[in-house]
Structure formats: C-alpha cells, structure tokens
C-alpha atoms as a PDB file:
ATOM      1  CA  UNK A   1    -174.120 -49.963  -0.217  1.00  0.00           C
ATOM      2  CA  UNK A   2    -177.422 -48.634  -1.548  1.00  0.00           C
ATOM      3  CA  UNK A   3    -180.465 -48.653   0.718  1.00  0.00           C
ATOM      4  CA  UNK A   4    -184.098 -48.743  -0.325  1.00  0.00           C
ATOM      5  CA  UNK A   5    -185.177 -45.990   2.045  1.00  0.00           C
ATOM      6  CA  UNK A   6    -184.851 -44.268   5.387  1.00  0.00           C
ATOM      7  CA  UNK A   7    -186.114 -47.132   7.581  1.00  0.00           C
ATOM      8  CA  UNK A   8    -183.483 -49.479   6.139  1.00  0.00           C
ATOM      9  CA  UNK A   9    -180.787 -46.815   6.563  1.00  0.00           C
ATOM     10  CA  UNK A  10    -181.702 -46.079  10.184  1.00  0.00           C
ATOM     11  CA  UNK A  11    -181.829 -49.810  10.945  1.00  0.00           C
ATOM     12  CA  UNK A  12    -178.327 -50.200   9.505  1.00  0.00           C
ATOM     13  CA  UNK A  13    -177.114 -47.460  11.852  1.00  0.00           C
ATOM     14  CA  UNK A  14    -178.815 -49.001  14.884  1.00  0.00           C
ATOM     15  CA  UNK A  15    -177.411 -52.458  14.139  1.00  0.00           C
ATOM     16  CA  UNK A  16    -173.910 -51.170  13.450  1.00  0.00           C
ATOM     17  CA  UNK A  17    -173.890 -52.075   9.751  1.00  0.00           C
ATOM     18  CA  UNK A  18    -173.003 -48.460   8.985  1.00  0.00           C
ATOM     19  CA  UNK A  19    -171.368 -45.828  11.168  1.00  0.00           C
ATOM     20  CA  UNK A  20    -172.887 -42.661   9.751  1.00  0.00           C
ATOM     21  CA  UNK A  21    -176.092 -41.633   7.984  1.00  0.00           C
ATOM     22  CA  UNK A  22    -177.905 -38.506   6.916  1.00  0.00           C
ATOM     23  CA  UNK A  23    -181.567 -38.517   7.923  1.00  0.00           C
ATOM     24  CA  UNK A  24    -184.324 -35.997   8.491  1.00  0.00           C
ATOM     25  CA  UNK A  25    -184.673 -34.478  11.940  1.00  0.00           C
ATOM     26  CA  UNK A  26    -188.166 -35.835  12.536  1.00  0.00           C
ATOM     27  CA  UNK A  27    -186.835 -39.356  11.922  1.00  0.00           C
ATOM     28  CA  UNK A  28    -183.737 -39.233  14.127  1.00  0.00           C
ATOM     29  CA  UNK A  29    -184.757 -36.749  16.842  1.00  0.00           C
ATOM     30  CA  UNK A  30    -186.368 -39.479  18.998  1.00  0.00           C
ATOM     31  CA  UNK A  31    -183.260 -41.666  18.601  1.00  0.00           C
ATOM     32  CA  UNK A  32    -181.009 -38.782  19.603  1.00  0.00           C
ATOM     33  CA  UNK A  33    -183.243 -37.924  22.582  1.00  0.00           C
ATOM     34  CA  UNK A  34    -183.210 -41.552  23.764  1.00  0.00           C
ATOM     35  CA  UNK A  35    -179.424 -41.776  23.449  1.00  0.00           C
ATOM     36  CA  UNK A  36    -179.526 -44.518  20.801  1.00  0.00           C
ATOM     37  CA  UNK A  37    -177.572 -42.366  18.350  1.00  0.00           C
ATOM     38  CA  UNK A  38    -175.511 -39.186  18.531  1.00  0.00           C
ATOM     39  CA  UNK A  39    -176.107 -36.224  16.255  1.00  0.00           C
ATOM     40  CA  UNK A  40    -172.798 -35.044  14.809  1.00  0.00           C
ATOM     41  CA  UNK A  41    -173.979 -32.072  12.770  1.00  0.00           C
ATOM     42  CA  UNK A  42    -176.993 -30.443  11.195  1.00  0.00           C
ATOM     43  CA  UNK A  43    -177.039 -29.299   7.606  1.00  0.00           C
ATOM     44  CA  UNK A  44    -179.413 -26.360   7.985  1.00  0.00           C
ATOM     45  CA  UNK A  45    -178.474 -23.328  10.072  1.00  0.00           C
ATOM     46  CA  UNK A  46    -182.205 -22.607  10.446  1.00  0.00           C
ATOM     47  CA  UNK A  47    -182.965 -26.015  11.975  1.00  0.00           C
ATOM     48  CA  UNK A  48    -185.658 -26.270  14.664  1.00  0.00           C
ATOM     49  CA  UNK A  49    -184.940 -25.103  18.227  1.00  0.00           C
ATOM     50  CA  UNK A  50    -184.645 -28.731  19.365  1.00  0.00           C
ATOM     51  CA  UNK A  51    -181.388 -28.880  17.388  1.00  0.00           C
ATOM     52  CA  UNK A  52    -179.925 -25.633  18.769  1.00  0.00           C
ATOM     53  CA  UNK A  53    -177.008 -27.393  20.510  1.00  0.00           C
ATOM     54  CA  UNK A  54    -175.951 -29.358  17.427  1.00  0.00           C
ATOM     55  CA  UNK A  55    -173.261 -27.625  15.316  1.00  0.00           C
ATOM     56  CA  UNK A  56    -173.734 -27.072  11.604  1.00  0.00           C
ATOM     57  CA  UNK A  57    -171.648 -29.241   9.313  1.00  0.00           C
ATOM     58  CA  UNK A  58    -169.714 -26.106   8.361  1.00  0.00           C
ATOM     59  CA  UNK A  59    -168.738 -25.550  11.990  1.00  0.00           C
ATOM     60  CA  UNK A  60    -168.205 -29.202  12.926  1.00  0.00           C
ATOM     61  CA  UNK A  61    -166.047 -30.030   9.911  1.00  0.00           C
ATOM     62  CA  UNK A  62    -164.585 -26.633   9.076  1.00  0.00           C
ATOM     63  CA  UNK A  63    -166.388 -26.397   5.741  1.00  0.00           C
ATOM     64  CA  UNK A  64    -167.018 -22.658   5.474  1.00  0.00           C
ATOM     65  CA  UNK A  65    -168.465 -22.886   1.960  1.00  0.00           C
ATOM     66  CA  UNK A  66    -171.183 -25.170   3.284  1.00  0.00           C
ATOM     67  CA  UNK A  67    -172.739 -22.998   5.968  1.00  0.00           C
ATOM     68  CA  UNK A  68    -176.188 -24.106   4.791  1.00  0.00           C
ATOM     69  CA  UNK A  69    -176.898 -27.391   3.055  1.00  0.00           C
ATOM     70  CA  UNK A  70    -180.605 -27.458   3.683  1.00  0.00           C
ATOM     71  CA  UNK A  71    -182.900 -29.542   1.555  1.00  0.00           C
ATOM     72  CA  UNK A  72    -185.230 -27.247  -0.334  1.00  0.00           C
ATOM     73  CA  UNK A  73    -188.240 -27.529  -2.575  1.00  0.00           C
ATOM     74  CA  UNK A  74    -189.661 -24.863  -4.817  1.00  0.00           C
ATOM     75  CA  UNK A  75    -192.109 -24.186  -7.576  1.00  0.00           C
ATOM     76  CA  UNK A  76    -190.847 -23.449 -11.072  1.00  0.00           C
ATOM     77  CA  UNK A  77    -192.685 -22.668 -14.306  1.00  0.00           C
ATOM     78  CA  UNK A  78    -191.741 -23.099 -17.954  1.00  0.00           C
ATOM     79  CA  UNK A  79    -189.456 -20.455 -19.429  1.00  0.00           C
ATOM     80  CA  UNK A  80    -191.535 -17.700 -20.973  1.00  0.00           C
ATOM     81  CA  UNK A  81    -194.467 -17.994 -18.557  1.00  0.00           C
ATOM     82  CA  UNK A  82    -196.000 -14.497 -18.440  1.00  0.00           C
ATOM     83  CA  UNK A  83    -195.030 -12.465 -15.349  1.00  0.00           C
ATOM     84  CA  UNK A  84    -198.666 -11.855 -14.281  1.00  0.00           C
ATOM     85  CA  UNK A  85    -199.174 -15.621 -14.033  1.00  0.00           C
ATOM     86  CA  UNK A  86    -195.935 -16.061 -12.056  1.00  0.00           C
ATOM     87  CA  UNK A  87    -196.964 -13.204  -9.757  1.00  0.00           C
ATOM     88  CA  UNK A  88    -200.433 -14.711  -9.179  1.00  0.00           C
ATOM     89  CA  UNK A  89    -199.013 -18.147  -8.344  1.00  0.00           C
ATOM     90  CA  UNK A  90    -196.419 -16.559  -6.051  1.00  0.00           C
ATOM     91  CA  UNK A  91    -199.065 -14.507  -4.246  1.00  0.00           C
ATOM     92  CA  UNK A  92    -201.277 -17.556  -3.662  1.00  0.00           C
ATOM     93  CA  UNK A  93    -198.381 -19.731  -2.446  1.00  0.00           C
ATOM     94  CA  UNK A  94    -197.255 -17.045   0.016  1.00  0.00           C
ATOM     95  CA  UNK A  95    -200.829 -16.777   1.303  1.00  0.00           C
ATOM     96  CA  UNK A  96    -201.160 -20.560   1.709  1.00  0.00           C
ATOM     97  CA  UNK A  97    -197.809 -20.960   3.460  1.00  0.00           C
ATOM     98  CA  UNK A  98    -198.681 -18.131   5.866  1.00  0.00           C
ATOM     99  CA  UNK A  99    -201.807 -19.983   7.020  1.00  0.00           C
ATOM    100  CA  UNK A 100    -201.189 -21.113  10.628  1.00  0.00           C
ATOM    101  CA  UNK A 101    -202.738 -24.556  10.016  1.00  0.00           C
ATOM    102  CA  UNK A 102    -200.541 -25.178   6.975  1.00  0.00           C
ATOM    103  CA  UNK A 103    -197.453 -23.906   8.801  1.00  0.00           C
ATOM    104  CA  UNK A 104    -198.142 -26.071  11.867  1.00  0.00           C
ATOM    105  CA  UNK A 105    -198.690 -29.202   9.778  1.00  0.00           C
ATOM    106  CA  UNK A 106    -195.556 -28.497   7.726  1.00  0.00           C
ATOM    107  CA  UNK A 107    -193.411 -27.980  10.811  1.00  0.00           C
ATOM    108  CA  UNK A 108    -194.814 -31.119  12.436  1.00  0.00           C
ATOM    109  CA  UNK A 109    -193.497 -33.110   9.470  1.00  0.00           C
ATOM    110  CA  UNK A 110    -190.085 -31.440   9.625  1.00  0.00           C
ATOM    111  CA  UNK A 111    -190.652 -28.856   6.907  1.00  0.00           C
ATOM    112  CA  UNK A 112    -190.135 -25.158   7.577  1.00  0.00           C
ATOM    113  CA  UNK A 113    -191.726 -23.096   4.784  1.00  0.00           C
ATOM    114  CA  UNK A 114    -189.814 -20.035   3.620  1.00  0.00           C
ATOM    115  CA  UNK A 115    -190.886 -17.777   0.800  1.00  0.00           C
ATOM    116  CA  UNK A 116    -188.972 -15.381  -1.390  1.00  0.00           C
ATOM    117  CA  UNK A 117    -189.680 -13.480  -4.567  1.00  0.00           C
ATOM    118  CA  UNK A 118    -189.458 -15.322  -7.890  1.00  0.00           C
ATOM    119  CA  UNK A 119    -186.320 -13.291  -8.668  1.00  0.00           C
ATOM    120  CA  UNK A 120    -184.686 -14.213  -5.344  1.00  0.00           C
ATOM    121  CA  UNK A 121    -185.535 -17.889  -5.852  1.00  0.00           C
ATOM    122  CA  UNK A 122    -184.093 -17.825  -9.379  1.00  0.00           C
ATOM    123  CA  UNK A 123    -180.852 -16.339  -8.038  1.00  0.00           C
ATOM    124  CA  UNK A 124    -180.797 -18.956  -5.254  1.00  0.00           C
ATOM    125  CA  UNK A 125    -181.180 -21.821  -7.737  1.00  0.00           C
ATOM    126  CA  UNK A 126    -178.337 -20.462  -9.873  1.00  0.00           C
ATOM    127  CA  UNK A 127    -176.103 -20.098  -6.799  1.00  0.00           C
ATOM    128  CA  UNK A 128    -176.886 -23.667  -5.674  1.00  0.00           C
ATOM    129  CA  UNK A 129    -176.238 -25.053  -9.168  1.00  0.00           C
ATOM    130  CA  UNK A 130    -172.873 -23.306  -9.232  1.00  0.00           C
ATOM    131  CA  UNK A 131    -171.920 -24.497  -5.747  1.00  0.00           C
ATOM    132  CA  UNK A 132    -172.893 -28.123  -6.307  1.00  0.00           C
ATOM    133  CA  UNK A 133    -171.553 -28.166  -9.865  1.00  0.00           C
ATOM    134  CA  UNK A 134    -168.104 -27.363  -8.456  1.00  0.00           C
ATOM    135  CA  UNK A 135    -168.426 -30.107  -5.833  1.00  0.00           C
ATOM    136  CA  UNK A 136    -169.451 -32.657  -8.461  1.00  0.00           C
ATOM    137  CA  UNK A 137    -166.542 -31.671 -10.701  1.00  0.00           C
ATOM    138  CA  UNK A 138    -163.934 -31.662  -7.901  1.00  0.00           C
ATOM    139  CA  UNK A 139    -165.085 -35.016  -6.522  1.00  0.00           C
ATOM    140  CA  UNK A 140    -165.878 -36.660  -9.864  1.00  0.00           C
ATOM    141  CA  UNK A 141    -169.412 -37.461  -8.696  1.00  0.00           C
ATOM    142  CA  UNK A 142    -171.520 -38.827 -11.542  1.00  0.00           C
ATOM    143  CA  UNK A 143    -175.313 -38.751 -11.740  1.00  0.00           C
ATOM    144  CA  UNK A 144    -176.841 -42.011 -12.996  1.00  0.00           C
END
C-alpha cells in the first residue's frame, strides 16, 4: 500500500498495519532506543556510531552485492560543461562541506557529507546505475 510520507509509514509500523519499513536513522533512532521498534539492518556501512551494533543488510540477509545501499545526493552539470567550471564548483563545495558548522548541521539531520573528485563521482554513478539496472531487470521492477 502506498503511503504519503514517513510519518504515515512510521505510524503504520507502530500500529501494526505493516511489519517492516525503511526509514531514516534520525526518524527511527528514538523509537529503537525506547524499545518501540527493533532495527533489523542498516543500509549504509558508514552509518553513525549510534548504529554500530546493527548489522548491514548485506550481513543480516547474506546479500554480498549490497554491502552499501546508502542514499546519496550529488551535484551534476550538463554534458560539455568546461572543466574549469566543474573544478571551481567542486572546490567550493568541498570547502563548504568541510566547514564545521555545515558538517554539524548536516550530521544533526542525519546527513554525512562525503566528497570525491568529479571523476570518482562519475564512476560511482555509473557503477550504481549498473548495479540497480540489474536489480530492476531481474525483479521486473517498473518505474512509473
């Protein structure tokens, strides 16, 4: 059944309407700490220290190809954007994300900034597209 958002999903778990959900750490951590729900697995091997005792999904379910299923965001530019512009944007983003105030605020909201080079990020995106493309094909998942 489709839900309109995280609050509705968490409520369905708490009321027993559903048995399992995926939700962000900052949403469910208080529920786990209070004993209202049990964390079965984390998707990101680099999850915060508060989740150190929770196995990754790869370990919990024996899914070796899914050792890291973290949610990620990144900046992309149109094909053909001149390298000096890409390099300038990259340099500024790295500087901003290294700022302690920005890092602290990001981590408080459950986001853990990581930077890489534009070339590394491009390779990462291609690897993710390949991995998830195979999953979609094998499971016949369709995007609406």
